[in-house]
Amino acid sequence: MKEFALIFRVKENPTTQVSPAEMQQRMTSWMNWMGGIAARDKLVSNGSRLGVQGSKWVGPDKVVSDGPYTEVKEFINGYIIVKAESVDEATEMAKECPIILGGGGKVEVRPLVTPDNNQ
């Protein structure tokens, strides 16, 4: 079994305010989706959301700036780690993600590279 990162991307700024009711509905959708993956023993790590405020980036010559880039049209909002037999199986899990089903975002599916499998 291989491990894959499901990386959540959104178009809008993740600091956009939503109502408490909408936040509760979103959280319930996410918990149900991740709970379904965990129930199949496919959830390796429930990952974390990634903040925007207080972020920095470091570039060549040790240049430090506020981040993420303001020119970016999509923000990486978070990730989870799943295990699957193939990228196709991991992709099927991603298809049910709430960020796609109503959140206006995308899920990037990336294999985790291990010393044994450096591809």
PDB file of N, CA and C in Angstrom:
ATOM      1  N   MET A   1       0.855  -1.176   0.000  1.00  0.00           N
ATOM      2  CA  MET A   1       0.000   0.000   0.000  1.00  0.00           C
ATOM      3  C   MET A   1       0.899   1.236   0.000  1.00  0.00           C
ATOM      4  N   LYS A   2       0.537   2.224  -0.785  1.00  0.00           N
ATOM      5  CA  LYS A   2       1.311   3.470  -0.890  1.00  0.00           C
ATOM      6  C   LYS A   2       0.584   4.581  -0.146  1.00  0.00           C
ATOM      7  N   GLU A   3       1.319   5.643   0.157  1.00  0.00           N
ATOM      8  CA  GLU A   3       0.724   6.803   0.805  1.00  0.00           C
ATOM      9  C   GLU A   3       0.675   7.965  -0.177  1.00  0.00           C
ATOM     10  N   PHE A   4      -0.406   8.732  -0.078  1.00  0.00           N
ATOM     11  CA  PHE A   4      -0.631   9.869  -0.956  1.00  0.00           C
ATOM     12  C   PHE A   4      -1.059  11.071  -0.127  1.00  0.00           C
ATOM     13  N   ALA A   5      -0.597  12.242  -0.533  1.00  0.00           N
ATOM     14  CA  ALA A   5      -1.055  13.493   0.064  1.00  0.00           C
ATOM     15  C   ALA A   5      -2.216  14.006  -0.784  1.00  0.00           C
ATOM     16  N   LEU A   6      -3.305  14.337  -0.127  1.00  0.00           N
ATOM     17  CA  LEU A   6      -4.409  15.028  -0.789  1.00  0.00           C
ATOM     18  C   LEU A   6      -4.294  16.479  -0.353  1.00  0.00           C
ATOM     19  N   ILE A   7      -3.947  17.337  -1.295  1.00  0.00           N
ATOM     20  CA  ILE A   7      -3.668  18.747  -1.016  1.00  0.00           C
ATOM     21  C   ILE A   7      -4.854  19.570  -1.493  1.00  0.00           C
ATOM     22  N   PHE A   8      -5.397  20.367  -0.586  1.00  0.00           N
ATOM     23  CA  PHE A   8      -6.622  21.112  -0.873  1.00  0.00           C
ATOM     24  C   PHE A   8      -6.296  22.523  -1.328  1.00  0.00           C
ATOM     25  N   ARG A   9      -6.798  22.874  -2.508  1.00  0.00           N
ATOM     26  CA  ARG A   9      -6.572  24.206  -3.084  1.00  0.00           C
ATOM     27  C   ARG A   9      -7.911  24.916  -3.232  1.00  0.00           C
ATOM     28  N   VAL A  10      -7.918  26.206  -2.889  1.00  0.00           N
ATOM     29  CA  VAL A  10      -9.129  27.015  -3.043  1.00  0.00           C
ATOM     30  C   VAL A  10      -8.790  28.289  -3.795  1.00  0.00           C
ATOM     31  N   LYS A  11      -9.774  28.817  -4.503  1.00  0.00           N
ATOM     32  CA  LYS A  11      -9.566  30.046  -5.265  1.00  0.00           C
ATOM     33  C   LYS A  11      -9.680  31.278  -4.400  1.00  0.00           C
ATOM     34  N   GLU A  12     -10.637  31.272  -3.472  1.00  0.00           N
ATOM     35  CA  GLU A  12     -10.816  32.457  -2.649  1.00  0.00           C
ATOM     36  C   GLU A  12      -9.804  32.444  -1.515  1.00  0.00           C
ATOM     37  N   ASN A  13      -9.602  33.597  -0.951  1.00  0.00           N
ATOM     38  CA  ASN A  13      -8.706  33.728   0.188  1.00  0.00           C
ATOM     39  C   ASN A  13      -9.291  32.946   1.359  1.00  0.00           C
ATOM     40  N   PRO A  14      -8.523  32.018   1.953  1.00  0.00           N
ATOM     41  CA  PRO A  14      -9.076  31.208   3.034  1.00  0.00           C
ATOM     42  C   PRO A  14      -9.400  31.994   4.294  1.00  0.00           C
ATOM     43  N   THR A  15      -9.063  33.275   4.346  1.00  0.00           N
ATOM     44  CA  THR A  15      -9.414  34.079   5.527  1.00  0.00           C
ATOM     45  C   THR A  15     -10.798  34.703   5.388  1.00  0.00           C
ATOM     46  N   THR A  16     -11.491  34.447   4.268  1.00  0.00           N
ATOM     47  CA  THR A  16     -12.834  34.974   4.056  1.00  0.00           C
ATOM     48  C   THR A  16     -13.755  34.504   5.189  1.00  0.00           C
ATOM     49  N   GLN A  17     -14.549  35.414   5.724  1.00  0.00           N
ATOM     50  CA  GLN A  17     -15.442  35.102   6.838  1.00  0.00           C
ATOM     51  C   GLN A  17     -16.699  34.394   6.341  1.00  0.00           C
ATOM     52  N   VAL A  18     -17.138  33.389   7.102  1.00  0.00           N
ATOM     53  CA  VAL A  18     -18.393  32.698   6.818  1.00  0.00           C
ATOM     54  C   VAL A  18     -19.217  32.707   8.096  1.00  0.00           C
ATOM     55  N   SER A  19     -20.512  32.506   7.943  1.00  0.00           N
ATOM     56  CA  SER A  19     -21.397  32.506   9.109  1.00  0.00           C
ATOM     57  C   SER A  19     -21.118  31.276   9.968  1.00  0.00           C
ATOM     58  N   PRO A  20     -21.453  31.343  11.258  1.00  0.00           N
ATOM     59  CA  PRO A  20     -21.265  30.175  12.128  1.00  0.00           C
ATOM     60  C   PRO A  20     -22.020  28.938  11.627  1.00  0.00           C
ATOM     61  N   ALA A  21     -23.222  29.139  11.097  1.00  0.00           N
ATOM     62  CA  ALA A  21     -24.005  28.006  10.586  1.00  0.00           C
ATOM     63  C   ALA A  21     -23.312  27.367   9.385  1.00  0.00           C
ATOM     64  N   GLU A  22     -22.800  28.205   8.487  1.00  0.00           N
ATOM     65  CA  GLU A  22     -22.099  27.677   7.319  1.00  0.00           C
ATOM     66  C   GLU A  22     -20.807  26.972   7.738  1.00  0.00           C
ATOM     67  N   MET A  23     -20.093  27.525   8.705  1.00  0.00           N
ATOM     68  CA  MET A  23     -18.877  26.894   9.200  1.00  0.00           C
ATOM     69  C   MET A  23     -19.196  25.528   9.806  1.00  0.00           C
ATOM     70  N   GLN A  24     -20.291  25.442  10.568  1.00  0.00           N
ATOM     71  CA  GLN A  24     -20.691  24.164  11.161  1.00  0.00           C
ATOM     72  C   GLN A  24     -21.013  23.139  10.083  1.00  0.00           C
ATOM     73  N   GLN A  25     -21.720  23.569   9.045  1.00  0.00           N
ATOM     74  CA  GLN A  25     -22.067  22.666   7.943  1.00  0.00           C
ATOM     75  C   GLN A  25     -20.811  22.186   7.233  1.00  0.00           C
ATOM     76  N   ARG A  26     -19.871  23.085   6.982  1.00  0.00           N
ATOM     77  CA  ARG A  26     -18.615  22.712   6.334  1.00  0.00           C
ATOM     78  C   ARG A  26     -17.830  21.706   7.177  1.00  0.00           C
ATOM     79  N   MET A  27     -17.740  21.985   8.473  1.00  0.00           N
ATOM     80  CA  MET A  27     -16.998  21.092   9.357  1.00  0.00           C
ATOM     81  C   MET A  27     -17.635  19.704   9.411  1.00  0.00           C
ATOM     82  N   THR A  28     -18.968  19.652   9.438  1.00  0.00           N
ATOM     83  CA  THR A  28     -19.662  18.361   9.448  1.00  0.00           C
ATOM     84  C   THR A  28     -19.362  17.589   8.168  1.00  0.00           C
ATOM     85  N   SER A  29     -19.390  18.269   7.020  1.00  0.00           N
ATOM     86  CA  SER A  29     -19.088  17.609   5.741  1.00  0.00           C
ATOM     87  C   SER A  29     -17.677  17.043   5.738  1.00  0.00           C
ATOM     88  N   TRP A  30     -16.726  17.847   6.210  1.00  0.00           N
ATOM     89  CA  TRP A  30     -15.332  17.395   6.249  1.00  0.00           C
ATOM     90  C   TRP A  30     -15.153  16.212   7.189  1.00  0.00           C
ATOM     91  N   MET A  31     -15.758  16.289   8.373  1.00  0.00           N
ATOM     92  CA  MET A  31     -15.613  15.205   9.343  1.00  0.00           C
ATOM     93  C   MET A  31     -16.246  13.917   8.814  1.00  0.00           C
ATOM     94  N   ASN A  32     -17.380  14.023   8.149  1.00  0.00           N
ATOM     95  CA  ASN A  32     -18.018  12.842   7.564  1.00  0.00           C
ATOM     96  C   ASN A  32     -17.147  12.231   6.474  1.00  0.00           C
ATOM     97  N   TRP A  33     -16.580  13.079   5.613  1.00  0.00           N
ATOM     98  CA  TRP A  33     -15.734  12.592   4.530  1.00  0.00           C
ATOM     99  C   TRP A  33     -14.483  11.907   5.085  1.00  0.00           C
ATOM    100  N   MET A  34     -13.790  12.565   5.994  1.00  0.00           N
ATOM    101  CA  MET A  34     -12.578  11.965   6.561  1.00  0.00           C
ATOM    102  C   MET A  34     -12.923  10.744   7.417  1.00  0.00           C
ATOM    103  N   GLY A  35     -14.062  10.781   8.104  1.00  0.00           N
ATOM    104  CA  GLY A  35     -14.489   9.621   8.879  1.00  0.00           C
ATOM    105  C   GLY A  35     -14.723   8.401   8.012  1.00  0.00           C
ATOM    106  N   GLY A  36     -15.265   8.623   6.809  1.00  0.00           N
ATOM    107  CA  GLY A  36     -15.466   7.521   5.863  1.00  0.00           C
ATOM    108  C   GLY A  36     -14.151   6.915   5.409  1.00  0.00           C
ATOM    109  N   ILE A  37     -13.156   7.757   5.179  1.00  0.00           N
ATOM    110  CA  ILE A  37     -11.828   7.263   4.798  1.00  0.00           C
ATOM    111  C   ILE A  37     -11.212   6.496   5.973  1.00  0.00           C
ATOM    112  N   ALA A  38     -11.327   7.048   7.177  1.00  0.00           N
ATOM    113  CA  ALA A  38     -10.779   6.393   8.376  1.00  0.00           C
ATOM    114  C   ALA A  38     -11.476   5.059   8.636  1.00  0.00           C
ATOM    115  N   ALA A  39     -12.777   4.982   8.403  1.00  0.00           N
ATOM    116  CA  ALA A  39     -13.525   3.745   8.629  1.00  0.00           C
ATOM    117  C   ALA A  39     -13.026   2.617   7.733  1.00  0.00           C
ATOM    118  N   ARG A  40     -12.472   2.967   6.583  1.00  0.00           N
ATOM    119  CA  ARG A  40     -11.897   1.962   5.668  1.00  0.00           C
ATOM    120  C   ARG A  40     -10.418   1.720   5.971  1.00  0.00           C
ATOM    121  N   ASP A  41      -9.920   2.301   7.065  1.00  0.00           N
ATOM    122  CA  ASP A  41      -8.515   2.196   7.486  1.00  0.00           C
ATOM    123  C   ASP A  41      -7.571   2.723   6.395  1.00  0.00           C
ATOM    124  N   LYS A  42      -7.956   3.834   5.767  1.00  0.00           N
ATOM    125  CA  LYS A  42      -7.155   4.441   4.700  1.00  0.00           C
ATOM    126  C   LYS A  42      -6.595   5.799   5.096  1.00  0.00           C
ATOM    127  N   LEU A  43      -6.968   6.326   6.268  1.00  0.00           N
ATOM    128  CA  LEU A  43      -6.498   7.634   6.702  1.00  0.00           C
ATOM    129  C   LEU A  43      -5.218   7.458   7.518  1.00  0.00           C
ATOM    130  N   VAL A  44      -4.106   7.978   6.995  1.00  0.00           N
ATOM    131  CA  VAL A  44      -2.824   7.898   7.688  1.00  0.00           C
ATOM    132  C   VAL A  44      -2.678   9.073   8.644  1.00  0.00           C
ATOM    133  N   SER A  45      -3.019  10.269   8.165  1.00  0.00           N
ATOM    134  CA  SER A  45      -2.929  11.474   8.981  1.00  0.00           C
ATOM    135  C   SER A  45      -4.037  12.428   8.554  1.00  0.00           C
ATOM    136  N   ASN A  46      -4.718  13.015   9.539  1.00  0.00           N
ATOM    137  CA  ASN A  46      -5.758  13.978   9.178  1.00  0.00           C
ATOM    138  C   ASN A  46      -5.164  15.335   8.860  1.00  0.00           C
ATOM    139  N   GLY A  47      -3.846  15.405   8.742  1.00  0.00           N
ATOM    140  CA  GLY A  47      -3.183  16.607   8.266  1.00  0.00           C
ATOM    141  C   GLY A  47      -3.530  17.827   9.079  1.00  0.00           C
ATOM    142  N   SER A  48      -3.643  18.929   8.377  1.00  0.00           N
ATOM    143  CA  SER A  48      -3.930  20.181   9.050  1.00  0.00           C
ATOM    144  C   SER A  48      -4.307  21.228   8.021  1.00  0.00           C
ATOM    145  N   ARG A  49      -5.047  22.225   8.480  1.00  0.00           N
ATOM    146  CA  ARG A  49      -5.262  23.399   7.636  1.00  0.00           C
ATOM    147  C   ARG A  49      -3.996  24.219   7.678  1.00  0.00           C
ATOM    148  N   LEU A  50      -3.746  24.962   6.643  1.00  0.00           N
ATOM    149  CA  LEU A  50      -2.569  25.815   6.569  1.00  0.00           C
ATOM    150  C   LEU A  50      -3.000  27.270   6.645  1.00  0.00           C
ATOM    151  N   GLY A  51      -2.413  28.013   7.553  1.00  0.00           N
ATOM    152  CA  GLY A  51      -2.766  29.410   7.733  1.00  0.00           C
ATOM    153  C   GLY A  51      -2.177  30.304   6.656  1.00  0.00           C
ATOM    154  N   VAL A  52      -2.751  31.472   6.515  1.00  0.00           N
ATOM    155  CA  VAL A  52      -2.257  32.482   5.587  1.00  0.00           C
ATOM    156  C   VAL A  52      -1.669  33.645   6.378  1.00  0.00           C
ATOM    157  N   GLN A  53      -2.413  34.136   7.358  1.00  0.00           N
ATOM    158  CA  GLN A  53      -1.929  35.264   8.148  1.00  0.00           C
ATOM    159  C   GLN A  53      -0.705  34.829   8.949  1.00  0.00           C
ATOM    160  N   GLY A  54       0.302  35.675   8.938  1.00  0.00           N
ATOM    161  CA  GLY A  54       1.529  35.368   9.661  1.00  0.00           C
ATOM    162  C   GLY A  54       2.466  34.437   8.911  1.00  0.00           C
ATOM    163  N   SER A  55       2.158  34.127   7.647  1.00  0.00           N
ATOM    164  CA  SER A  55       3.013  33.253   6.841  1.00  0.00           C
ATOM    165  C   SER A  55       4.195  34.030   6.278  1.00  0.00           C
ATOM    166  N   LYS A  56       5.250  33.335   6.000  1.00  0.00           N
ATOM    167  CA  LYS A  56       6.455  33.903   5.375  1.00  0.00           C
ATOM    168  C   LYS A  56       6.928  32.954   4.286  1.00  0.00           C
ATOM    169  N   TRP A  57       7.731  33.482   3.384  1.00  0.00           N
ATOM    170  CA  TRP A  57       8.455  32.625   2.454  1.00  0.00           C
ATOM    171  C   TRP A  57       9.901  33.060   2.454  1.00  0.00           C
ATOM    172  N   VAL A  58      10.771  32.090   2.218  1.00  0.00           N
ATOM    173  CA  VAL A  58      12.211  32.339   2.187  1.00  0.00           C
ATOM    174  C   VAL A  58      12.700  31.976   0.801  1.00  0.00           C
ATOM    175  N   GLY A  59      13.435  32.891   0.171  1.00  0.00           N
ATOM    176  CA  GLY A  59      13.925  32.673  -1.177  1.00  0.00           C
ATOM    177  C   GLY A  59      15.441  32.662  -1.236  1.00  0.00           C
ATOM    178  N   PRO A  60      15.969  32.652  -2.462  1.00  0.00           N
ATOM    179  CA  PRO A  60      17.417  32.673  -2.639  1.00  0.00           C
ATOM    180  C   PRO A  60      18.053  33.851  -1.897  1.00  0.00           C
ATOM    181  N   ASP A  61      19.281  33.684  -1.519  1.00  0.00           N
ATOM    182  CA  ASP A  61      20.033  34.694  -0.775  1.00  0.00           C
ATOM    183  C   ASP A  61      19.376  35.032   0.561  1.00  0.00           C
ATOM    184  N   LYS A  62      18.603  34.072   1.088  1.00  0.00           N
ATOM    185  CA  LYS A  62      17.956  34.206   2.400  1.00  0.00           C
ATOM    186  C   LYS A  62      16.983  35.387   2.480  1.00  0.00           C
ATOM    187  N   VAL A  63      16.408  35.752   1.326  1.00  0.00           N
ATOM    188  CA  VAL A  63      15.411  36.814   1.290  1.00  0.00           C
ATOM    189  C   VAL A  63      14.139  36.294   1.951  1.00  0.00           C
ATOM    190  N   VAL A  64      13.593  37.063   2.870  1.00  0.00           N
ATOM    191  CA  VAL A  64      12.365  36.683   3.575  1.00  0.00           C
ATOM    192  C   VAL A  64      11.295  37.707   3.249  1.00  0.00           C
ATOM    193  N   SER A  65      10.082  37.219   2.981  1.00  0.00           N
ATOM    194  CA  SER A  65       8.966  38.108   2.678  1.00  0.00           C
ATOM    195  C   SER A  65       7.690  37.525   3.260  1.00  0.00           C
ATOM    196  N   ASP A  66       6.672  38.371   3.385  1.00  0.00           N
ATOM    197  CA  ASP A  66       5.371  37.860   3.795  1.00  0.00           C
ATOM    198  C   ASP A  66       4.850  36.939   2.715  1.00  0.00           C
ATOM    199  N   GLY A  67       4.110  35.945   3.089  1.00  0.00           N
ATOM    200  CA  GLY A  67       3.588  35.000   2.116  1.00  0.00           C
ATOM    201  C   GLY A  67       2.207  34.557   2.547  1.00  0.00           C
ATOM    202  N   PRO A  68       1.532  33.752   1.774  1.00  0.00           N
ATOM    203  CA  PRO A  68       1.967  33.322   0.457  1.00  0.00           C
ATOM    204  C   PRO A  68       1.900  34.456  -0.558  1.00  0.00           C
ATOM    205  N   TYR A  69       2.394  34.180  -1.732  1.00  0.00           N
ATOM    206  CA  TYR A  69       2.431  35.202  -2.776  1.00  0.00           C
ATOM    207  C   TYR A  69       1.046  35.781  -3.001  1.00  0.00           C
ATOM    208  N   THR A  70       0.945  37.082  -3.100  1.00  0.00           N
ATOM    209  CA  THR A  70      -0.353  37.709  -3.346  1.00  0.00           C
ATOM    210  C   THR A  70      -0.816  37.489  -4.783  1.00  0.00           C
ATOM    211  N   GLU A  71       0.114  37.167  -5.687  1.00  0.00           N
ATOM    212  CA  GLU A  71      -0.272  36.958  -7.082  1.00  0.00           C
ATOM    213  C   GLU A  71      -0.912  35.599  -7.303  1.00  0.00           C
ATOM    214  N   VAL A  72      -0.777  34.712  -6.353  1.00  0.00           N
ATOM    215  CA  VAL A  72      -1.292  33.366  -6.501  1.00  0.00           C
ATOM    216  C   VAL A  72      -2.812  33.412  -6.590  1.00  0.00           C
ATOM    217  N   LYS A  73      -3.360  32.691  -7.559  1.00  0.00           N
ATOM    218  CA  LYS A  73      -4.805  32.670  -7.738  1.00  0.00           C
ATOM    219  C   LYS A  73      -5.457  31.547  -6.952  1.00  0.00           C
ATOM    220  N   GLU A  74      -4.654  30.625  -6.434  1.00  0.00           N
ATOM    221  CA  GLU A  74      -5.160  29.544  -5.605  1.00  0.00           C
ATOM    222  C   GLU A  74      -4.306  29.472  -4.341  1.00  0.00           C
ATOM    223  N   PHE A  75      -4.951  29.140  -3.250  1.00  0.00           N
ATOM    224  CA  PHE A  75      -4.251  28.965  -1.995  1.00  0.00           C
ATOM    225  C   PHE A  75      -4.273  27.492  -1.624  1.00  0.00           C
ATOM    226  N   ILE A  76      -3.176  26.999  -1.090  1.00  0.00           N
ATOM    227  CA  ILE A  76      -3.178  25.664  -0.509  1.00  0.00           C
ATOM    228  C   ILE A  76      -3.766  25.827   0.883  1.00  0.00           C
ATOM    229  N   ASN A  77      -4.907  25.208   1.092  1.00  0.00           N
ATOM    230  CA  ASN A  77      -5.667  25.400   2.320  1.00  0.00           C
ATOM    231  C   ASN A  77      -5.387  24.328   3.361  1.00  0.00           C
ATOM    232  N   GLY A  78      -4.846  23.183   2.954  1.00  0.00           N
ATOM    233  CA  GLY A  78      -4.565  22.111   3.895  1.00  0.00           C
ATOM    234  C   GLY A  78      -4.284  20.819   3.161  1.00  0.00           C
ATOM    235  N   TYR A  79      -4.186  19.734   3.933  1.00  0.00           N
ATOM    236  CA  TYR A  79      -3.855  18.437   3.354  1.00  0.00           C
ATOM    237  C   TYR A  79      -4.244  17.329   4.329  1.00  0.00           C
ATOM    238  N   ILE A  80      -4.356  16.110   3.806  1.00  0.00           N
ATOM    239  CA  ILE A  80      -4.401  14.900   4.606  1.00  0.00           C
ATOM    240  C   ILE A  80      -3.515  13.871   3.915  1.00  0.00           C
ATOM    241  N   ILE A  81      -3.155  12.822   4.630  1.00  0.00           N
ATOM    242  CA  ILE A  81      -2.383  11.724   4.065  1.00  0.00           C
ATOM    243  C   ILE A  81      -3.258  10.479   4.102  1.00  0.00           C
ATOM    244  N   VAL A  82      -3.379   9.814   2.958  1.00  0.00           N
ATOM    245  CA  VAL A  82      -4.166   8.591   2.864  1.00  0.00           C
ATOM    246  C   VAL A  82      -3.277   7.464   2.341  1.00  0.00           C
ATOM    247  N   LYS A  83      -3.732   6.232   2.545  1.00  0.00           N
ATOM    248  CA  LYS A  83      -3.045   5.103   1.939  1.00  0.00           C
ATOM    249  C   LYS A  83      -3.987   4.454   0.947  1.00  0.00           C
ATOM    250  N   ALA A  84      -3.405   4.019  -0.161  1.00  0.00           N
ATOM    251  CA  ALA A  84      -4.197   3.436  -1.232  1.00  0.00           C
ATOM    252  C   ALA A  84      -3.305   2.496  -2.036  1.00  0.00           C
ATOM    253  N   GLU A  85      -3.936   1.599  -2.765  1.00  0.00           N
ATOM    254  CA  GLU A  85      -3.189   0.667  -3.619  1.00  0.00           C
ATOM    255  C   GLU A  85      -2.586   1.374  -4.828  1.00  0.00           C
ATOM    256  N   SER A  86      -3.238   2.484  -5.257  1.00  0.00           N
ATOM    257  CA  SER A  86      -2.785   3.171  -6.466  1.00  0.00           C
ATOM    258  C   SER A  86      -3.220   4.627  -6.421  1.00  0.00           C
ATOM    259  N   VAL A  87      -2.652   5.411  -7.333  1.00  0.00           N
ATOM    260  CA  VAL A  87      -3.065   6.811  -7.447  1.00  0.00           C
ATOM    261  C   VAL A  87      -4.537   6.896  -7.860  1.00  0.00           C
ATOM    262  N   ASP A  88      -4.995   5.912  -8.618  1.00  0.00           N
ATOM    263  CA  ASP A  88      -6.411   5.905  -9.023  1.00  0.00           C
ATOM    264  C   ASP A  88      -7.332   5.742  -7.820  1.00  0.00           C
ATOM    265  N   GLU A  89      -6.958   4.874  -6.869  1.00  0.00           N
ATOM    266  CA  GLU A  89      -7.765   4.702  -5.667  1.00  0.00           C
ATOM    267  C   GLU A  89      -7.760   5.979  -4.826  1.00  0.00           C
ATOM    268  N   ALA A  90      -6.594   6.608  -4.683  1.00  0.00           N
ATOM    269  CA  ALA A  90      -6.498   7.862  -3.932  1.00  0.00           C
ATOM    270  C   ALA A  90      -7.328   8.954  -4.611  1.00  0.00           C
ATOM    271  N   THR A  91      -7.324   8.965  -5.936  1.00  0.00           N
ATOM    272  CA  THR A  91      -8.105   9.941  -6.697  1.00  0.00           C
ATOM    273  C   THR A  91      -9.602   9.737  -6.473  1.00  0.00           C
ATOM    274  N   GLU A  92     -10.026   8.497  -6.384  1.00  0.00           N
ATOM    275  CA  GLU A  92     -11.438   8.222  -6.101  1.00  0.00           C
ATOM    276  C   GLU A  92     -11.831   8.777  -4.744  1.00  0.00           C
ATOM    277  N   MET A  93     -10.951   8.662  -3.742  1.00  0.00           N
ATOM    278  CA  MET A  93     -11.233   9.247  -2.433  1.00  0.00           C
ATOM    279  C   MET A  93     -11.380  10.763  -2.561  1.00  0.00           C
ATOM    280  N   ALA A  94     -10.491  11.376  -3.325  1.00  0.00           N
ATOM    281  CA  ALA A  94     -10.495  12.833  -3.485  1.00  0.00           C
ATOM    282  C   ALA A  94     -11.771  13.332  -4.150  1.00  0.00           C
ATOM    283  N   LYS A  95     -12.367  12.531  -5.009  1.00  0.00           N
ATOM    284  CA  LYS A  95     -13.573  12.938  -5.722  1.00  0.00           C
ATOM    285  C   LYS A  95     -14.744  13.236  -4.797  1.00  0.00           C
ATOM    286  N   GLU A  96     -14.722  12.722  -3.576  1.00  0.00           N
ATOM    287  CA  GLU A  96     -15.807  12.935  -2.626  1.00  0.00           C
ATOM    288  C   GLU A  96     -15.512  14.060  -1.636  1.00  0.00           C
ATOM    289  N   CYS A  97     -14.398  14.750  -1.810  1.00  0.00           N
ATOM    290  CA  CYS A  97     -13.984  15.799  -0.882  1.00  0.00           C
ATOM    291  C   CYS A  97     -14.967  16.971  -0.910  1.00  0.00           C
ATOM    292  N   PRO A  98     -15.334  17.480   0.267  1.00  0.00           N
ATOM    293  CA  PRO A  98     -16.258  18.619   0.323  1.00  0.00           C
ATOM    294  C   PRO A  98     -15.755  19.864  -0.400  1.00  0.00           C
ATOM    295  N   ILE A  99     -14.467  20.028  -0.539  1.00  0.00           N
ATOM    296  CA  ILE A  99     -13.940  21.218  -1.217  1.00  0.00           C
ATOM    297  C   ILE A  99     -14.305  21.209  -2.701  1.00  0.00           C
ATOM    298  N   ILE A 100     -14.540  20.013  -3.242  1.00  0.00           N
ATOM    299  CA  ILE A 100     -14.950  19.872  -4.642  1.00  0.00           C
ATOM    300  C   ILE A 100     -16.470  19.931  -4.752  1.00  0.00           C
ATOM    301  N   LEU A 101     -17.149  19.262  -3.823  1.00  0.00           N
ATOM    302  CA  LEU A 101     -18.596  19.094  -3.914  1.00  0.00           C
ATOM    303  C   LEU A 101     -19.397  20.333  -3.561  1.00  0.00           C
ATOM    304  N   GLY A 102     -18.760  21.430  -3.303  1.00  0.00           N
ATOM    305  CA  GLY A 102     -19.503  22.637  -2.991  1.00  0.00           C
ATOM    306  C   GLY A 102     -18.608  23.741  -2.486  1.00  0.00           C
ATOM    307  N   GLY A 103     -17.334  23.420  -2.332  1.00  0.00           N
ATOM    308  CA  GLY A 103     -16.409  24.405  -1.810  1.00  0.00           C
ATOM    309  C   GLY A 103     -15.674  25.194  -2.871  1.00  0.00           C
ATOM    310  N   GLY A 104     -15.868  24.852  -4.143  1.00  0.00           N
ATOM    311  CA  GLY A 104     -15.231  25.603  -5.215  1.00  0.00           C
ATOM    312  C   GLY A 104     -13.736  25.408  -5.310  1.00  0.00           C
ATOM    313  N   GLY A 105     -13.223  24.305  -4.791  1.00  0.00           N
ATOM    314  CA  GLY A 105     -11.783  24.082  -4.806  1.00  0.00           C
ATOM    315  C   GLY A 105     -11.387  22.850  -5.599  1.00  0.00           C
ATOM    316  N   LYS A 106     -10.140  22.483  -5.441  1.00  0.00           N
ATOM    317  CA  LYS A 106      -9.559  21.328  -6.117  1.00  0.00           C
ATOM    318  C   LYS A 106      -8.782  20.506  -5.096  1.00  0.00           C
ATOM    319  N   VAL A 107      -8.568  19.241  -5.432  1.00  0.00           N
ATOM    320  CA  VAL A 107      -7.716  18.385  -4.621  1.00  0.00           C
ATOM    321  C   VAL A 107      -6.592  17.883  -5.515  1.00  0.00           C
ATOM    322  N   GLU A 108      -5.379  18.133  -5.102  1.00  0.00           N
ATOM    323  CA  GLU A 108      -4.206  17.624  -5.798  1.00  0.00           C
ATOM    324  C   GLU A 108      -3.814  16.313  -5.118  1.00  0.00           C
ATOM    325  N   VAL A 109      -3.626  15.262  -5.891  1.00  0.00           N
ATOM    326  CA  VAL A 109      -3.260  13.945  -5.366  1.00  0.00           C
ATOM    327  C   VAL A 109      -1.802  13.696  -5.712  1.00  0.00           C
ATOM    328  N   ARG A 110      -0.952  13.556  -4.671  1.00  0.00           N
ATOM    329  CA  ARG A 110       0.487  13.392  -4.888  1.00  0.00           C
ATOM    330  C   ARG A 110       0.995  12.193  -4.114  1.00  0.00           C
ATOM    331  N   PRO A 111       1.757  11.306  -4.767  1.00  0.00           N
ATOM    332  CA  PRO A 111       2.353  10.193  -4.032  1.00  0.00           C
ATOM    333  C   PRO A 111       3.451  10.709  -3.111  1.00  0.00           C
ATOM    334  N   LEU A 112       3.556  10.101  -1.928  1.00  0.00           N
ATOM    335  CA  LEU A 112       4.660  10.430  -1.036  1.00  0.00           C
ATOM    336  C   LEU A 112       5.873   9.609  -1.462  1.00  0.00           C
ATOM    337  N   VAL A 113       7.000  10.245  -1.521  1.00  0.00           N
ATOM    338  CA  VAL A 113       8.235   9.585  -1.943  1.00  0.00           C
ATOM    339  C   VAL A 113       8.915   9.015  -0.708  1.00  0.00           C
ATOM    340  N   THR A 114       9.311   7.763  -0.797  1.00  0.00           N
ATOM    341  CA  THR A 114      10.024   7.097   0.290  1.00  0.00           C
ATOM    342  C   THR A 114      11.418   6.723  -0.208  1.00  0.00           C
ATOM    343  N   PRO A 115      12.340   6.431   0.706  1.00  0.00           N
ATOM    344  CA  PRO A 115      13.679   5.998   0.258  1.00  0.00           C
ATOM    345  C   PRO A 115      13.629   4.758  -0.623  1.00  0.00           C
ATOM    346  N   ASP A 116      12.626   3.900  -0.404  1.00  0.00           N
ATOM    347  CA  ASP A 116      12.504   2.679  -1.202  1.00  0.00           C
ATOM    348  C   ASP A 116      11.911   2.939  -2.585  1.00  0.00           C
ATOM    349  N   ASN A 117      11.145   4.008  -2.709  1.00  0.00           N
ATOM    350  CA  ASN A 117      10.473   4.322  -3.972  1.00  0.00           C
ATOM    351  C   ASN A 117      10.714   5.799  -4.275  1.00  0.00           C
ATOM    352  N   ASN A 118      11.777   6.092  -4.946  1.00  0.00           N
ATOM    353  CA  ASN A 118      12.211   7.468  -5.174  1.00  0.00           C
ATOM    354  C   ASN A 118      11.693   8.030  -6.485  1.00  0.00           C
ATOM    355  N   GLN A 119      10.411   7.802  -6.801  1.00  0.00           N
ATOM    356  CA  GLN A 119       9.859   8.285  -8.068  1.00  0.00           C
ATOM    357  C   GLN A 119       8.770   9.283  -7.853  1.00  0.00           C
TER     358      GLN A 119
END
